[in-house]
Amino acid sequence: MQTPAPFEYERATSVEGAIASLERLGPEARIIAGGHSLLPMMKLRLAKPEHLVDINDLDELAYIREQDGEIRIGALTRHVDLLHSELLAEHFPLFREAEKVIADPVVRNRGTIGGSLCQADAAEDLSAVCSAAKAKVVIRGSDGERVVGMEDFHVGPYMTAVGDGELLTEIRLELRPGAGSAHEKVERRAGDWAIVAASAAVWVDGGKIADAGVALGAVGLTTIHVSRAEELLRGKAPSEKLFAQAGEIASADCSPTADGRGPVDYKRHLAGVLTVRALRRAVAGALHQEA
């Protein structure tokens, strides 16, 4: 059996210190927080970092709060805190719905939202949730901060806009009136990776959908941002016919592959069905109706 390559480990005591370490150590350094994505990849030799920078002591990055017309979530916020946040549940219920079907209590107690998004796994629930909710992320480096929309954050499979020497620090969700959202997922067993997942968010004004977000998980190399469905929905009164049309677009615009979780046609069908369900419930939430 091959002996794994050694790595150096250090524990950061501040955000600035973590960024300085990343700059000093170079591109072979990796951040570790919950570790539930990175450690399995290291065990399988899929990731071989030369340096690990542990940020678990950075409590300054663990929060959920309302500020300047946004909900702001620190990157080190654990899944369990997202699950129990009443602030998130009130304004973006799809977070709680997604957290209920993510892994198990052990993972939820340690895993973080920043780690989930930075893993950039196409089957990871929170990436679809944040894409549909039109979240923006804050990336910090030694030269300051930059804010990036979710549509530009995931640049490829397991690749994000976070560069060498940079750290994802915050997720921002704009608070707008008339909001509703929902997350739908089909899995083989409780807590498993999705066969297909669909997230939807809508903002209703004057009986019409003023804006919408639709995203799919597990049916492409990255999270699928279904922009054609969003364009279809904007400015129209919600109806079952409209939801069905959006579902057809979702089925057409995803790119699933056949695997042990099912064939391509089955996954495309699920993508459409779950999109319709998520939109129906999102609109019902925006209108304070029963789905």
Protein backbone atom coordinates (compact mmCIF):
# COMPACT_ATOMS: atom_id res chain seq x y z
CA MET A 1 0.00 0.00 0.00
CA GLN A 2 1.36 3.39 -0.99
CA THR A 3 2.17 5.70 1.91
CA PRO A 4 0.35 9.03 1.55
CA ALA A 5 2.51 12.07 0.99
CA PRO A 6 3.14 14.11 4.15
CA PHE A 7 1.64 17.56 4.51
CA GLU A 8 2.27 20.52 6.77
CA TYR A 9 -0.50 21.72 9.06
CA GLU A 10 -1.10 25.05 10.71
CA ARG A 11 -4.02 26.55 12.59
CA ALA A 12 -5.04 30.10 11.68
CA THR A 13 -5.95 32.55 14.44
CA SER A 14 -7.37 35.32 12.21
CA VAL A 15 -8.72 35.82 8.71
CA GLU A 16 -5.73 37.99 7.86
CA GLY A 17 -3.40 35.28 9.17
CA ALA A 18 -5.12 32.61 7.10
CA ILE A 19 -4.82 34.72 3.95
CA ALA A 20 -1.15 35.45 4.69
CA SER A 21 -0.49 31.72 5.10
CA LEU A 22 -2.22 30.92 1.81
CA GLU A 23 -0.13 33.53 0.02
CA ARG A 24 3.09 32.29 1.61
CA LEU A 25 2.42 28.60 1.01
CA GLY A 26 1.27 28.92 -2.60
CA PRO A 27 -1.23 27.00 -4.73
CA GLU A 28 -0.63 23.63 -3.04
CA ALA A 29 -2.15 24.90 0.22
CA ARG A 30 -5.75 24.08 1.09
CA ILE A 31 -8.17 25.45 3.67
CA ILE A 32 -9.74 22.94 6.03
CA ALA A 33 -12.84 23.72 8.09
CA GLY A 34 -15.35 20.89 8.57
CA GLY A 35 -13.21 18.60 6.45
CA HIS A 36 -16.07 16.43 5.25
CA SER A 37 -15.26 17.14 1.60
CA LEU A 38 -11.48 17.45 1.70
CA LEU A 39 -10.56 14.55 3.98
CA PRO A 40 -12.40 11.86 1.95
CA MET A 41 -10.71 13.18 -1.21
CA MET A 42 -7.34 12.97 0.53
CA LYS A 43 -8.04 9.39 1.61
CA LEU A 44 -8.86 8.48 -1.99
CA ARG A 45 -5.72 10.30 -3.22
CA LEU A 46 -7.92 12.64 -5.25
CA ALA A 47 -6.48 15.59 -3.37
CA LYS A 48 -2.85 15.79 -2.27
CA PRO A 49 -2.33 19.17 -0.60
CA GLU A 50 1.14 19.96 0.65
CA HIS A 51 -0.18 22.33 3.30
CA LEU A 52 -3.39 22.51 5.32
CA VAL A 53 -4.53 25.77 6.90
CA ASP A 54 -7.15 25.07 9.59
CA ILE A 55 -9.66 27.91 10.07
CA ASN A 56 -11.88 26.28 12.70
CA ASP A 57 -10.91 28.86 15.33
CA LEU A 58 -12.13 31.79 13.22
CA ASP A 59 -15.40 32.42 15.03
CA GLU A 60 -15.58 35.81 13.28
CA LEU A 61 -16.70 33.88 10.17
CA ALA A 62 -19.55 32.03 11.89
CA TYR A 63 -22.77 34.08 11.85
CA ILE A 64 -26.17 34.61 10.25
CA ARG A 65 -27.42 38.18 10.51
CA GLU A 66 -29.47 40.86 8.80
CA GLN A 67 -27.44 43.87 7.67
CA ASP A 68 -27.91 46.62 5.07
CA GLY A 69 -30.94 45.00 3.46
CA GLU A 70 -29.27 41.58 3.19
CA ILE A 71 -28.93 38.36 5.09
CA ARG A 72 -25.23 37.77 5.56
CA ILE A 73 -23.83 34.34 6.33
CA GLY A 74 -20.26 33.79 7.46
CA ALA A 75 -18.40 31.14 5.49
CA LEU A 76 -17.67 29.13 8.64
CA THR A 77 -21.36 28.82 9.56
CA ARG A 78 -22.18 25.15 10.15
CA HIS A 79 -24.98 23.28 8.42
CA VAL A 80 -26.76 22.81 11.74
CA ASP A 81 -26.92 26.57 12.25
CA LEU A 82 -28.37 27.06 8.76
CA LEU A 83 -30.94 24.40 9.58
CA HIS A 84 -32.11 26.08 12.78
CA SER A 85 -31.90 29.74 11.71
CA GLU A 86 -35.32 31.36 12.00
CA LEU A 87 -34.07 34.38 10.05
CA LEU A 88 -33.20 32.21 7.05
CA ALA A 89 -36.36 30.13 7.37
CA GLU A 90 -38.50 33.28 7.30
CA HIS A 91 -36.93 34.84 4.21
CA PHE A 92 -35.34 31.90 2.34
CA PRO A 93 -37.03 28.64 3.47
CA LEU A 94 -35.20 26.63 0.79
CA PHE A 95 -32.12 26.66 3.05
CA ARG A 96 -33.89 24.77 5.83
CA GLU A 97 -35.48 22.40 3.31
CA ALA A 98 -32.07 21.62 1.82
CA GLU A 99 -30.38 21.20 5.19
CA LYS A 100 -32.97 18.63 6.25
CA VAL A 101 -31.79 16.35 3.44
CA ILE A 102 -28.03 16.96 3.62
CA ALA A 103 -26.06 14.01 4.95
CA ASP A 104 -26.51 13.24 8.67
CA PRO A 105 -26.14 15.03 12.04
CA VAL A 106 -22.41 14.29 12.25
CA VAL A 107 -21.75 16.05 8.95
CA ARG A 108 -24.23 18.86 9.66
CA ASN A 109 -22.59 19.61 13.01
CA ARG A 110 -19.15 20.13 11.46
CA GLY A 111 -19.58 20.92 7.76
CA THR A 112 -19.71 24.56 6.71
CA ILE A 113 -21.46 26.53 3.98
CA GLY A 114 -18.13 27.90 2.77
CA GLY A 115 -16.67 24.43 2.45
CA SER A 116 -19.72 23.21 0.57
CA LEU A 117 -19.63 26.04 -1.96
CA CYS A 118 -15.86 25.89 -2.43
CA GLN A 119 -15.93 22.15 -3.01
CA ALA A 120 -17.94 22.98 -6.16
CA ASP A 121 -19.40 19.49 -6.38
CA ALA A 122 -22.25 19.46 -8.88
CA ALA A 123 -24.30 17.20 -6.60
CA GLU A 124 -23.96 19.45 -3.53
CA ASP A 125 -27.28 20.95 -2.40
CA LEU A 126 -26.23 24.39 -1.16
CA SER A 127 -24.71 25.39 -4.48
CA ALA A 128 -28.11 25.01 -6.14
CA VAL A 129 -29.80 26.75 -3.21
CA CYS A 130 -27.48 29.76 -3.36
CA SER A 131 -27.70 29.94 -7.15
CA ALA A 132 -31.49 29.99 -7.12
CA ALA A 133 -31.56 32.56 -4.30
CA LYS A 134 -29.23 34.77 -6.39
CA ALA A 135 -26.66 34.88 -3.62
CA LYS A 136 -23.41 36.77 -3.89
CA VAL A 137 -20.20 35.70 -2.19
CA VAL A 138 -17.41 37.78 -0.71
CA ILE A 139 -13.87 36.70 -1.53
CA ARG A 140 -11.06 38.29 0.47
CA GLY A 141 -7.36 38.53 -0.32
CA SER A 142 -4.49 40.68 0.83
CA ASP A 143 -5.59 43.42 -1.59
CA GLY A 144 -9.12 43.61 -0.20
CA GLU A 145 -12.53 42.12 -0.96
CA ARG A 146 -14.48 41.43 -4.12
CA VAL A 147 -18.11 40.38 -4.47
CA VAL A 148 -18.99 37.68 -7.00
CA GLY A 149 -22.42 36.42 -8.09
CA MET A 150 -23.09 32.70 -7.92
CA GLU A 151 -23.37 32.57 -11.72
CA ASP A 152 -19.67 33.48 -11.86
CA PHE A 153 -18.49 31.65 -8.74
CA HIS A 154 -18.37 28.07 -10.03
CA VAL A 155 -16.06 28.15 -13.03
CA GLY A 156 -15.80 24.38 -13.61
CA PRO A 157 -16.03 21.00 -11.89
CA TYR A 158 -14.49 21.43 -8.41
CA MET A 159 -13.25 24.87 -9.48
CA THR A 160 -14.33 28.27 -8.16
CA ALA A 161 -13.48 31.93 -8.56
CA VAL A 162 -11.48 31.85 -5.31
CA GLY A 163 -7.89 32.37 -6.38
CA ASP A 164 -4.57 31.47 -4.78
CA GLY A 165 -4.09 33.44 -1.59
CA GLU A 166 -7.82 34.17 -1.29
CA LEU A 167 -10.52 33.07 1.12
CA LEU A 168 -14.32 32.91 0.81
CA THR A 169 -15.58 34.85 3.82
CA GLU A 170 -19.29 35.58 3.39
CA ILE A 171 -22.48 34.79 1.49
CA ARG A 172 -25.00 37.60 0.93
CA LEU A 173 -28.72 37.30 0.14
CA GLU A 174 -30.64 40.42 -0.85
CA LEU A 175 -33.92 40.90 0.99
CA ARG A 176 -36.68 41.77 -1.45
CA PRO A 177 -40.48 41.84 -0.97
CA GLY A 178 -42.71 39.11 -2.33
CA ALA A 179 -40.12 36.36 -1.94
CA GLY A 180 -40.77 32.63 -1.92
CA SER A 181 -38.45 29.66 -2.33
CA ALA A 182 -38.28 25.87 -2.21
CA HIS A 183 -35.83 22.99 -2.61
CA GLU A 184 -36.72 19.55 -4.00
CA LYS A 185 -34.48 16.50 -3.97
CA VAL A 186 -34.70 12.85 -4.92
CA GLU A 187 -32.10 10.57 -3.35
CA ARG A 188 -31.57 6.85 -3.02
CA ARG A 189 -31.59 6.97 0.78
CA ALA A 190 -31.83 9.65 3.44
CA GLY A 191 -28.84 11.98 3.45
CA ASP A 192 -27.37 10.64 0.23
CA TRP A 193 -26.08 12.67 -2.69
CA ALA A 194 -28.95 13.72 -4.93
CA ILE A 195 -30.06 11.77 -7.97
CA VAL A 196 -31.46 15.17 -8.97
CA ALA A 197 -32.09 18.31 -6.92
CA ALA A 198 -33.93 21.48 -7.92
CA SER A 199 -33.99 24.85 -6.16
CA ALA A 200 -36.34 27.69 -7.04
CA ALA A 201 -36.80 31.23 -5.78
CA VAL A 202 -39.36 33.78 -6.94
CA TRP A 203 -40.19 37.38 -6.17
CA VAL A 204 -43.85 38.20 -6.87
CA ASP A 205 -45.13 41.74 -7.39
CA GLY A 206 -48.63 42.72 -8.45
CA GLY A 207 -49.61 39.13 -9.14
CA LYS A 208 -46.71 38.56 -11.52
CA ILE A 209 -43.28 36.99 -11.12
CA ALA A 210 -40.95 39.99 -11.05
CA ASP A 211 -37.83 37.81 -10.82
CA ALA A 212 -36.96 34.14 -10.50
CA GLY A 213 -34.03 31.85 -9.84
CA VAL A 214 -33.88 28.20 -10.90
CA ALA A 215 -30.92 25.87 -10.35
CA LEU A 216 -30.32 22.12 -10.62
CA GLY A 217 -27.90 19.83 -8.84
CA ALA A 218 -26.39 16.48 -9.86
CA VAL A 219 -27.28 16.79 -13.56
CA GLY A 220 -24.15 18.35 -15.01
CA LEU A 221 -20.46 18.91 -14.47
CA THR A 222 -21.37 21.95 -12.36
CA THR A 223 -24.53 23.28 -10.75
CA ILE A 224 -26.92 24.12 -13.60
CA HIS A 225 -28.19 27.70 -13.55
CA VAL A 226 -31.35 27.44 -15.68
CA SER A 227 -31.32 30.96 -17.07
CA ARG A 228 -33.80 30.22 -19.91
CA ALA A 229 -36.43 29.17 -17.37
CA GLU A 230 -35.82 32.33 -15.37
CA GLU A 231 -36.30 34.47 -18.48
CA LEU A 232 -39.54 32.64 -19.26
CA LEU A 233 -40.92 33.26 -15.77
CA ARG A 234 -40.14 36.97 -15.46
CA GLY A 235 -43.10 39.29 -15.92
CA LYS A 236 -45.71 36.53 -16.15
CA ALA A 237 -48.55 35.55 -13.87
CA PRO A 238 -47.83 32.18 -12.19
CA SER A 239 -49.77 29.21 -13.52
CA GLU A 240 -49.43 25.46 -13.85
CA LYS A 241 -48.88 25.88 -17.58
CA LEU A 242 -46.01 28.31 -16.94
CA PHE A 243 -44.43 25.97 -14.38
CA ALA A 244 -44.69 23.08 -16.85
CA GLN A 245 -42.93 25.12 -19.53
CA ALA A 246 -40.14 25.98 -17.07
CA GLY A 247 -39.86 22.28 -16.21
CA GLU A 248 -39.48 21.39 -19.88
CA ILE A 249 -36.65 23.91 -20.18
CA ALA A 250 -34.95 22.48 -17.10
CA SER A 251 -35.13 18.98 -18.59
CA ALA A 252 -33.66 20.19 -21.87
CA ASP A 253 -30.92 22.39 -20.42
CA CYS A 254 -29.38 19.94 -17.95
CA SER A 255 -26.63 17.46 -18.91
CA PRO A 256 -26.92 14.35 -16.76
CA THR A 257 -24.81 11.24 -17.18
CA ALA A 258 -25.89 7.66 -16.67
CA ASP A 259 -24.56 6.05 -13.48
CA GLY A 260 -25.66 3.89 -10.58
CA ARG A 261 -28.26 6.46 -9.67
CA GLY A 262 -30.12 6.17 -12.95
CA PRO A 263 -30.11 6.61 -16.75
CA VAL A 264 -30.02 9.96 -18.54
CA ASP A 265 -33.72 10.01 -19.55
CA TYR A 266 -34.81 9.33 -15.97
CA LYS A 267 -32.67 12.18 -14.62
CA ARG A 268 -33.92 14.60 -17.26
CA HIS A 269 -37.49 13.68 -16.37
CA LEU A 270 -36.79 14.20 -12.68
CA ALA A 271 -35.18 17.59 -13.35
CA GLY A 272 -38.40 18.77 -14.99
CA VAL A 273 -40.71 17.32 -12.35
CA LEU A 274 -38.70 18.71 -9.43
CA THR A 275 -38.45 22.13 -11.06
CA VAL A 276 -42.24 22.29 -11.37
CA ARG A 277 -42.68 21.22 -7.75
CA ALA A 278 -40.13 23.73 -6.46
CA LEU A 279 -41.65 26.60 -8.47
CA ARG A 280 -45.18 25.72 -7.37
CA ARG A 281 -44.18 25.75 -3.70
CA ALA A 282 -42.00 28.85 -4.07
CA VAL A 283 -44.88 30.85 -5.57
CA ALA A 284 -47.28 29.53 -2.93
CA GLY A 285 -44.87 30.74 -0.25
CA ALA A 286 -44.57 34.15 -1.87
CA LEU A 287 -48.37 34.45 -1.95
CA HIS A 288 -48.76 32.95 1.54
CA GLN A 289 -50.85 30.11 0.16
CA GLU A 290 -50.82 26.35 0.63
CA ALA A 291 -48.93 24.56 -2.17
